[in-house]
Each structure stands twice: as C-alpha cells, then as structure tokens.
Amino acid sequence: IFFRNGMDVALIAPCTIASGNRTTTGRLVAMLRDLSYRCTVIDSNQPLGPVQLQQLQAVDVCIALHAMRAGRHLIGKGGAHVLPSSTPLVLIFGGTDVNEMVHDPVSLAVMTEVVL
C-alpha cells in the first residue's frame, strides 16, 4: 500500500469506553494524524448508518481493528462488501479473534468473508 500525506483513513473499531480497544484506537488515530492523515473513527459497536457508509465509500484506506467486530461492518446485506474493491484494507486480528471467535462457526464465517 502506498501511503501519502493527507490520505483519508477510516478506522473501524469497537470503541467501548475504558477498554483496551478504545485505547488502541486512540493511539492509532493520534499516530496517523501526526503523520498528516485525516482519520474517521467508526464504532463497530454501533450499526452502520448512511453517513458511515458514505464515509467508507470515500476513504483512501480502511483499517479494521478486530476481524470479527469490525469486519462484520465491512460485509453488507447479501454478503456484498461495503468498501469499493479498489480501497486497501488493513485487517488487524485481535487476540479475541484468534483465540475465541475462531471456535464459533458464525464468527469464523464472518472473518473468512472479510479476508476473501
């Protein structure tokens, strides 16, 4: 992925107050903004609305923190991907993804679909 200053980055992450995920999200956003990227955070604990869908259509790159929790937002109705196929996706697998979610068939199917 070729990164350049001023890129629009969407960060999809579970943003539960006082959680490690929120801390990680805050650190990623601070680092990216320090590097002159414009960041939009989309809370994967909330349903995607029209505004968030429009934001995802316009970003230069998307970072998804947690393959299951954030990944389910990348798959639209009928299994269609929400991001344009030309938008690079950085998918971060968290410990919960690789240690717990892989044992749940529904969660595993979502994570598999996001990767494909």
Foldseek 3Di string as FASTA:
>chain_A
DDDDAAFEEEEEWACPPPDPGVVVVVVVVVVNVVSRYHYDYDHLVDADDPVNLVSLAPGQEYEYEALQSRLVNQQDPPRRGSHDPNHHYHYHHDPCVVPPQCVPVVSVVSSVSSVD
